[in-house]
Amino acid sequence: MSKRDDSLDLCSVKTFAELSGVSVEEVINWVDSQTIPSMKLADFRMVNLARLRADLEKGKTEFKEGDYANV
C-alpha cells in the first residue's frame, strides 16, 4: 500500500499556475471567484490541493464560479 504525500495538500497560486499551464492572473481569478478551493495561510492565499484532489476523485469534472463559496 502506498503512502499518500501530505506535503502536496497546499500550493501557492504561482506554483498551481505553473503546474496547470495557465497564467498566475487566471488562477487568481479562479481563487477570487471561488472556482477552485483555497485557504489563507498567514498572509498568503494557497490553493487547497487536498480538497481539489478529493473532489476530482469523487468524479467532479466541472468547476464553476462560486463552487467553493462555502469552504
C-alpha atoms as a PDB file:
ATOM      1  CA  MET A   1       0.000   0.000   0.000  1.00  0.00           C
ATOM      2  CA  SER A   2       1.467   3.382  -0.967  1.00  0.00           C
ATOM      3  CA  LYS A   3       1.536   6.273   1.468  1.00  0.00           C
ATOM      4  CA  ARG A   4      -0.115   9.487   0.349  1.00  0.00           C
ATOM      5  CA  ASP A   5       2.189  12.506   0.141  1.00  0.00           C
ATOM      6  CA  ASP A   6       0.602  15.032   2.516  1.00  0.00           C
ATOM      7  CA  SER A   7       3.165  17.648   1.506  1.00  0.00           C
ATOM      8  CA  LEU A   8       1.010  18.275  -1.576  1.00  0.00           C
ATOM      9  CA  ASP A   9      -2.071  19.455   0.329  1.00  0.00           C
ATOM     10  CA  LEU A  10      -1.475  23.163  -0.411  1.00  0.00           C
ATOM     11  CA  CYS A  11       0.429  25.077  -3.041  1.00  0.00           C
ATOM     12  CA  SER A  12       0.955  28.690  -3.963  1.00  0.00           C
ATOM     13  CA  VAL A  13      -1.064  30.354  -6.674  1.00  0.00           C
ATOM     14  CA  LYS A  14       2.123  30.729  -8.725  1.00  0.00           C
ATOM     15  CA  THR A  15       3.002  27.038  -8.436  1.00  0.00           C
ATOM     16  CA  PHE A  16      -0.560  25.986  -9.279  1.00  0.00           C
ATOM     17  CA  ALA A  17      -0.477  28.210 -12.364  1.00  0.00           C
ATOM     18  CA  GLU A  18       2.822  26.684 -13.498  1.00  0.00           C
ATOM     19  CA  LEU A  19       1.571  23.132 -12.939  1.00  0.00           C
ATOM     20  CA  SER A  20      -1.709  23.876 -14.730  1.00  0.00           C
ATOM     21  CA  GLY A  21      -0.178  25.699 -17.675  1.00  0.00           C
ATOM     22  CA  VAL A  22      -2.202  28.864 -17.148  1.00  0.00           C
ATOM     23  CA  SER A  23      -1.268  32.374 -16.094  1.00  0.00           C
ATOM     24  CA  VAL A  24      -0.974  33.468 -12.469  1.00  0.00           C
ATOM     25  CA  GLU A  25      -3.692  36.036 -13.202  1.00  0.00           C
ATOM     26  CA  GLU A  26      -6.063  33.264 -14.323  1.00  0.00           C
ATOM     27  CA  VAL A  27      -5.512  31.311 -11.098  1.00  0.00           C
ATOM     28  CA  ILE A  28      -6.005  34.489  -9.062  1.00  0.00           C
ATOM     29  CA  ASN A  29      -9.340  34.949 -10.869  1.00  0.00           C
ATOM     30  CA  TRP A  30     -10.313  31.336 -10.078  1.00  0.00           C
ATOM     31  CA  VAL A  31      -9.427  31.813  -6.412  1.00  0.00           C
ATOM     32  CA  ASP A  32     -11.192  35.192  -6.161  1.00  0.00           C
ATOM     33  CA  SER A  33     -14.338  33.819  -7.830  1.00  0.00           C
ATOM     34  CA  GLN A  34     -14.189  30.688  -5.623  1.00  0.00           C
ATOM     35  CA  THR A  35     -13.975  28.421  -8.663  1.00  0.00           C
ATOM     36  CA  ILE A  36     -11.174  26.382  -7.072  1.00  0.00           C
ATOM     37  CA  PRO A  37     -10.686  25.657  -3.356  1.00  0.00           C
ATOM     38  CA  SER A  38      -8.251  27.852  -1.493  1.00  0.00           C
ATOM     39  CA  MET A  39      -7.353  28.881   2.003  1.00  0.00           C
ATOM     40  CA  LYS A  40      -5.398  31.648   3.618  1.00  0.00           C
ATOM     41  CA  LEU A  41      -2.178  30.664   5.357  1.00  0.00           C
ATOM     42  CA  ALA A  42      -0.645  33.582   7.229  1.00  0.00           C
ATOM     43  CA  ASP A  43      -0.779  36.371   4.612  1.00  0.00           C
ATOM     44  CA  PHE A  44      -0.758  34.045   1.597  1.00  0.00           C
ATOM     45  CA  ARG A  45      -3.648  32.613  -0.386  1.00  0.00           C
ATOM     46  CA  MET A  46      -2.944  28.950  -1.159  1.00  0.00           C
ATOM     47  CA  VAL A  47      -4.731  26.525  -3.467  1.00  0.00           C
ATOM     48  CA  ASN A  48      -6.186  23.664  -1.423  1.00  0.00           C
ATOM     49  CA  LEU A  49      -4.956  20.660  -3.399  1.00  0.00           C
ATOM     50  CA  ALA A  50      -6.296  18.164  -0.856  1.00  0.00           C
ATOM     51  CA  ARG A  51      -9.866  19.416  -1.399  1.00  0.00           C
ATOM     52  CA  LEU A  52      -9.381  19.663  -5.160  1.00  0.00           C
ATOM     53  CA  ARG A  53      -7.971  16.127  -5.313  1.00  0.00           C
ATOM     54  CA  ALA A  54     -10.807  14.751  -3.158  1.00  0.00           C
ATOM     55  CA  ASP A  55     -13.434  16.360  -5.378  1.00  0.00           C
ATOM     56  CA  LEU A  56     -11.764  15.030  -8.531  1.00  0.00           C
ATOM     57  CA  GLU A  57     -11.636  11.533  -7.010  1.00  0.00           C
ATOM     58  CA  LYS A  58     -15.384  11.800  -6.315  1.00  0.00           C
ATOM     59  CA  GLY A  59     -15.950  12.483 -10.015  1.00  0.00           C
ATOM     60  CA  LYS A  60     -16.142  16.282 -10.172  1.00  0.00           C
ATOM     61  CA  THR A  61     -15.399  17.326 -13.749  1.00  0.00           C
ATOM     62  CA  GLU A  62     -16.628  20.926 -13.922  1.00  0.00           C
ATOM     63  CA  PHE A  63     -15.546  23.865 -11.811  1.00  0.00           C
ATOM     64  CA  LYS A  64     -17.810  26.904 -11.821  1.00  0.00           C
ATOM     65  CA  GLU A  65     -17.691  30.293 -10.176  1.00  0.00           C
ATOM     66  CA  GLY A  66     -18.863  30.014  -6.571  1.00  0.00           C
ATOM     67  CA  ASP A  67     -18.348  26.226  -6.252  1.00  0.00           C
ATOM     68  CA  TYR A  68     -16.181  26.810  -3.175  1.00  0.00           C
ATOM     69  CA  ALA A  69     -18.011  29.776  -1.675  1.00  0.00           C
ATOM     70  CA  ASN A  70     -18.892  27.815   1.473  1.00  0.00           C
ATOM     71  CA  VAL A  71     -15.455  26.348   2.095  1.00  0.00           C
END
